[in-house]
N, C-alpha and C. Protein backbone atom coordinates (compact mmCIF):
# COMPACT_ATOMS: atom_id res chain seq x y z
N MET A 1 -44.89 -19.89 6.05
CA MET A 1 -43.59 -19.33 5.73
C MET A 1 -43.69 -17.81 5.53
N ILE A 2 -44.73 -17.37 4.83
CA ILE A 2 -44.91 -15.93 4.63
C ILE A 2 -45.21 -15.24 5.95
N ARG A 3 -46.01 -15.88 6.80
CA ARG A 3 -46.30 -15.30 8.12
C ARG A 3 -45.01 -15.10 8.92
N LYS A 4 -44.14 -16.10 8.86
CA LYS A 4 -42.88 -16.02 9.60
C LYS A 4 -42.04 -14.84 9.08
N PHE A 5 -42.01 -14.67 7.75
CA PHE A 5 -41.25 -13.57 7.17
C PHE A 5 -41.79 -12.23 7.67
N PHE A 6 -43.10 -12.03 7.58
CA PHE A 6 -43.68 -10.76 8.02
C PHE A 6 -43.55 -10.56 9.52
N LYS A 7 -43.63 -11.63 10.28
CA LYS A 7 -43.45 -11.51 11.72
C LYS A 7 -42.04 -11.03 12.04
N ASN A 8 -41.04 -11.62 11.37
CA ASN A 8 -39.65 -11.20 11.58
C ASN A 8 -39.43 -9.79 11.04
N PHE A 9 -40.07 -9.49 9.91
CA PHE A 9 -39.92 -8.17 9.30
C PHE A 9 -40.50 -7.09 10.22
N LEU A 10 -41.65 -7.34 10.78
CA LEU A 10 -42.29 -6.36 11.66
C LEU A 10 -41.56 -6.21 12.99
N ASN A 11 -40.82 -7.22 13.40
CA ASN A 11 -40.08 -7.16 14.64
C ASN A 11 -38.66 -6.63 14.44
N PHE A 12 -38.36 -6.14 13.26
CA PHE A 12 -37.03 -5.62 12.97
C PHE A 12 -36.71 -4.49 13.93
N ASP A 13 -35.57 -4.57 14.55
CA ASP A 13 -35.15 -3.60 15.54
C ASP A 13 -34.47 -2.41 14.86
N GLN A 14 -35.10 -1.26 14.87
CA GLN A 14 -34.56 -0.07 14.22
C GLN A 14 -33.32 0.46 14.94
N THR A 15 -33.12 0.10 16.20
CA THR A 15 -31.95 0.61 16.91
C THR A 15 -30.66 0.05 16.35
N SER A 16 -30.72 -1.11 15.69
CA SER A 16 -29.51 -1.68 15.13
C SER A 16 -29.11 -0.97 13.83
N TYR A 17 -30.05 -0.31 13.18
CA TYR A 17 -29.77 0.43 11.94
C TYR A 17 -30.49 1.77 12.05
N PRO A 18 -29.78 2.80 12.50
CA PRO A 18 -30.44 4.06 12.84
C PRO A 18 -30.83 4.94 11.66
N ILE A 19 -30.47 4.57 10.43
CA ILE A 19 -30.83 5.38 9.27
C ILE A 19 -32.24 5.03 8.84
N ILE A 20 -33.08 6.05 8.74
CA ILE A 20 -34.50 5.86 8.47
C ILE A 20 -34.82 6.34 7.06
N GLU A 21 -35.57 5.54 6.32
CA GLU A 21 -35.99 5.92 4.97
C GLU A 21 -36.83 7.19 5.02
N GLY A 22 -36.50 8.13 4.14
CA GLY A 22 -37.25 9.38 4.07
C GLY A 22 -36.73 10.48 4.99
N LYS A 23 -35.77 10.18 5.82
CA LYS A 23 -35.20 11.19 6.73
C LYS A 23 -33.90 11.69 6.11
N PHE A 24 -33.79 13.00 5.97
CA PHE A 24 -32.62 13.59 5.33
C PHE A 24 -31.43 13.65 6.29
N ALA A 25 -30.24 13.63 5.72
CA ALA A 25 -29.02 13.55 6.51
C ALA A 25 -28.88 14.70 7.49
N ASP A 26 -29.25 15.90 7.09
CA ASP A 26 -29.06 17.05 7.97
C ASP A 26 -30.05 17.11 9.13
N SER A 27 -30.99 16.18 9.18
CA SER A 27 -31.94 16.18 10.29
C SER A 27 -31.54 15.21 11.42
N TYR A 28 -30.46 14.47 11.24
CA TYR A 28 -29.98 13.57 12.31
C TYR A 28 -29.22 14.38 13.35
N THR A 29 -29.35 14.00 14.62
CA THR A 29 -28.66 14.71 15.70
C THR A 29 -27.69 13.82 16.46
N ASP A 30 -27.85 12.51 16.36
CA ASP A 30 -26.98 11.58 17.07
C ASP A 30 -25.59 11.58 16.44
N VAL A 31 -24.56 11.80 17.24
CA VAL A 31 -23.19 11.93 16.75
C VAL A 31 -22.72 10.66 16.05
N GLU A 32 -23.02 9.50 16.61
CA GLU A 32 -22.59 8.23 16.00
C GLU A 32 -23.25 8.01 14.65
N THR A 33 -24.52 8.35 14.54
CA THR A 33 -25.23 8.20 13.27
C THR A 33 -24.67 9.16 12.23
N ILE A 34 -24.38 10.37 12.64
CA ILE A 34 -23.80 11.35 11.72
C ILE A 34 -22.45 10.85 11.20
N LYS A 35 -21.62 10.31 12.10
CA LYS A 35 -20.32 9.76 11.68
C LYS A 35 -20.51 8.61 10.70
N MET A 36 -21.48 7.74 10.97
CA MET A 36 -21.75 6.62 10.08
C MET A 36 -22.19 7.11 8.70
N ILE A 37 -23.04 8.10 8.66
CA ILE A 37 -23.50 8.65 7.38
C ILE A 37 -22.33 9.27 6.63
N GLN A 38 -21.49 10.03 7.32
CA GLN A 38 -20.34 10.66 6.68
C GLN A 38 -19.37 9.62 6.13
N GLU A 39 -19.10 8.57 6.88
CA GLU A 39 -18.18 7.52 6.42
C GLU A 39 -18.74 6.81 5.19
N ARG A 40 -20.02 6.47 5.23
CA ARG A 40 -20.64 5.80 4.08
C ARG A 40 -20.64 6.71 2.85
N TYR A 41 -20.90 7.99 3.07
CA TYR A 41 -20.91 8.95 1.97
C TYR A 41 -19.52 9.02 1.32
N LYS A 42 -18.49 9.11 2.15
CA LYS A 42 -17.12 9.18 1.63
C LYS A 42 -16.77 7.92 0.84
N GLU A 43 -17.15 6.76 1.36
CA GLU A 43 -16.88 5.51 0.65
C GLU A 43 -17.60 5.45 -0.68
N GLN A 44 -18.81 5.95 -0.72
CA GLN A 44 -19.64 5.86 -1.92
C GLN A 44 -19.27 6.91 -2.97
N TRP A 45 -19.03 8.16 -2.54
CA TRP A 45 -18.96 9.25 -3.50
C TRP A 45 -17.62 9.95 -3.62
N ILE A 46 -16.82 9.94 -2.58
CA ILE A 46 -15.57 10.69 -2.64
C ILE A 46 -14.45 9.73 -3.02
N LYS A 47 -14.04 9.84 -4.25
CA LYS A 47 -12.97 8.99 -4.78
C LYS A 47 -11.69 9.81 -4.90
N ASP A 48 -10.62 9.13 -5.24
CA ASP A 48 -9.37 9.83 -5.47
C ASP A 48 -9.53 10.82 -6.62
N VAL A 49 -8.97 11.99 -6.44
CA VAL A 49 -9.02 13.00 -7.49
C VAL A 49 -7.86 12.74 -8.44
N THR A 50 -8.17 12.32 -9.64
CA THR A 50 -7.18 12.07 -10.69
C THR A 50 -7.64 12.76 -11.97
N PRO A 51 -6.76 12.92 -12.94
CA PRO A 51 -7.19 13.49 -14.21
C PRO A 51 -8.28 12.68 -14.89
N TYR A 52 -8.29 11.38 -14.66
CA TYR A 52 -9.30 10.54 -15.29
C TYR A 52 -10.69 10.77 -14.66
N THR A 53 -10.74 10.91 -13.33
CA THR A 53 -12.03 11.07 -12.66
C THR A 53 -12.50 12.52 -12.61
N HIS A 54 -11.57 13.47 -12.63
CA HIS A 54 -11.91 14.89 -12.54
C HIS A 54 -11.08 15.69 -13.56
N PRO A 55 -11.29 15.47 -14.84
CA PRO A 55 -10.43 16.11 -15.84
C PRO A 55 -10.50 17.64 -15.83
N GLN A 56 -11.61 18.21 -15.39
CA GLN A 56 -11.75 19.66 -15.38
C GLN A 56 -10.81 20.35 -14.40
N LEU A 57 -10.21 19.59 -13.50
CA LEU A 57 -9.31 20.16 -12.50
C LEU A 57 -7.85 20.19 -12.94
N PHE A 58 -7.55 19.66 -14.12
CA PHE A 58 -6.15 19.52 -14.53
C PHE A 58 -5.87 20.22 -15.86
N ASP A 59 -4.64 20.66 -15.99
CA ASP A 59 -4.18 21.34 -17.20
C ASP A 59 -3.44 20.33 -18.08
N PRO A 60 -3.87 20.13 -19.31
CA PRO A 60 -3.19 19.15 -20.18
C PRO A 60 -1.73 19.50 -20.48
N PHE A 61 -1.38 20.80 -20.36
CA PHE A 61 0.00 21.21 -20.64
C PHE A 61 0.88 21.17 -19.40
N ASN A 62 0.27 20.91 -18.27
CA ASN A 62 1.02 20.77 -17.03
C ASN A 62 0.45 19.56 -16.27
N PRO A 63 0.65 18.36 -16.81
CA PRO A 63 0.02 17.17 -16.21
C PRO A 63 0.70 16.76 -14.90
N PRO A 64 -0.04 16.11 -14.03
CA PRO A 64 0.56 15.58 -12.81
C PRO A 64 1.52 14.44 -13.15
N ASN A 65 2.32 14.07 -12.19
CA ASN A 65 3.27 12.96 -12.40
C ASN A 65 2.53 11.71 -12.84
N SER A 66 3.09 11.02 -13.81
CA SER A 66 2.59 9.75 -14.35
C SER A 66 1.30 9.88 -15.15
N TRP A 67 0.92 11.07 -15.51
CA TRP A 67 -0.28 11.27 -16.33
C TRP A 67 0.07 12.07 -17.57
N ARG A 68 -0.60 11.75 -18.68
CA ARG A 68 -0.47 12.50 -19.93
C ARG A 68 -1.85 12.62 -20.57
N TYR A 69 -2.05 13.74 -21.26
CA TYR A 69 -3.32 13.96 -21.94
C TYR A 69 -3.16 13.71 -23.43
N ASP A 70 -4.05 12.91 -24.00
CA ASP A 70 -4.05 12.62 -25.43
C ASP A 70 -5.16 13.46 -26.08
N PRO A 71 -4.78 14.53 -26.82
CA PRO A 71 -5.79 15.41 -27.39
C PRO A 71 -6.58 14.77 -28.54
N TYR A 72 -6.00 13.79 -29.20
CA TYR A 72 -6.72 13.13 -30.30
C TYR A 72 -7.94 12.38 -29.76
N TYR A 73 -7.73 11.57 -28.72
CA TYR A 73 -8.83 10.80 -28.13
C TYR A 73 -9.53 11.56 -27.00
N GLU A 74 -8.96 12.71 -26.63
CA GLU A 74 -9.50 13.55 -25.56
C GLU A 74 -9.67 12.76 -24.26
N VAL A 75 -8.56 12.14 -23.84
CA VAL A 75 -8.59 11.31 -22.64
C VAL A 75 -7.26 11.41 -21.91
N TRP A 76 -7.32 11.33 -20.59
CA TRP A 76 -6.12 11.28 -19.77
C TRP A 76 -5.66 9.84 -19.69
N ILE A 77 -4.33 9.64 -19.78
CA ILE A 77 -3.73 8.31 -19.75
C ILE A 77 -2.75 8.24 -18.57
N LYS A 78 -2.88 7.16 -17.81
CA LYS A 78 -1.93 6.91 -16.70
C LYS A 78 -0.72 6.21 -17.29
N ILE A 79 0.45 6.77 -17.08
CA ILE A 79 1.69 6.23 -17.63
C ILE A 79 2.48 5.58 -16.49
N ASN A 80 2.81 4.32 -16.65
CA ASN A 80 3.66 3.65 -15.65
C ASN A 80 5.10 3.89 -15.99
N GLU A 81 5.75 4.65 -15.17
CA GLU A 81 7.16 4.98 -15.44
C GLU A 81 8.08 4.20 -14.56
């Protein structure tokens, strides 16, 4: 059973998954791979910008629609209006 696992592991086709461990994003040249990396990065790290996720970008005295800042608890609150 272990031999079968290692045999399958060693025969893993890298062409089906072009991202290589230890290779930095800026060193890829294939357009499709670059698009895949960018899409995965956006899904993982770029979230909606809201007062809750990025409080440093908002003014508590001029809150966006449906948001209010509570200075006692020092937190932004989403208000359903």
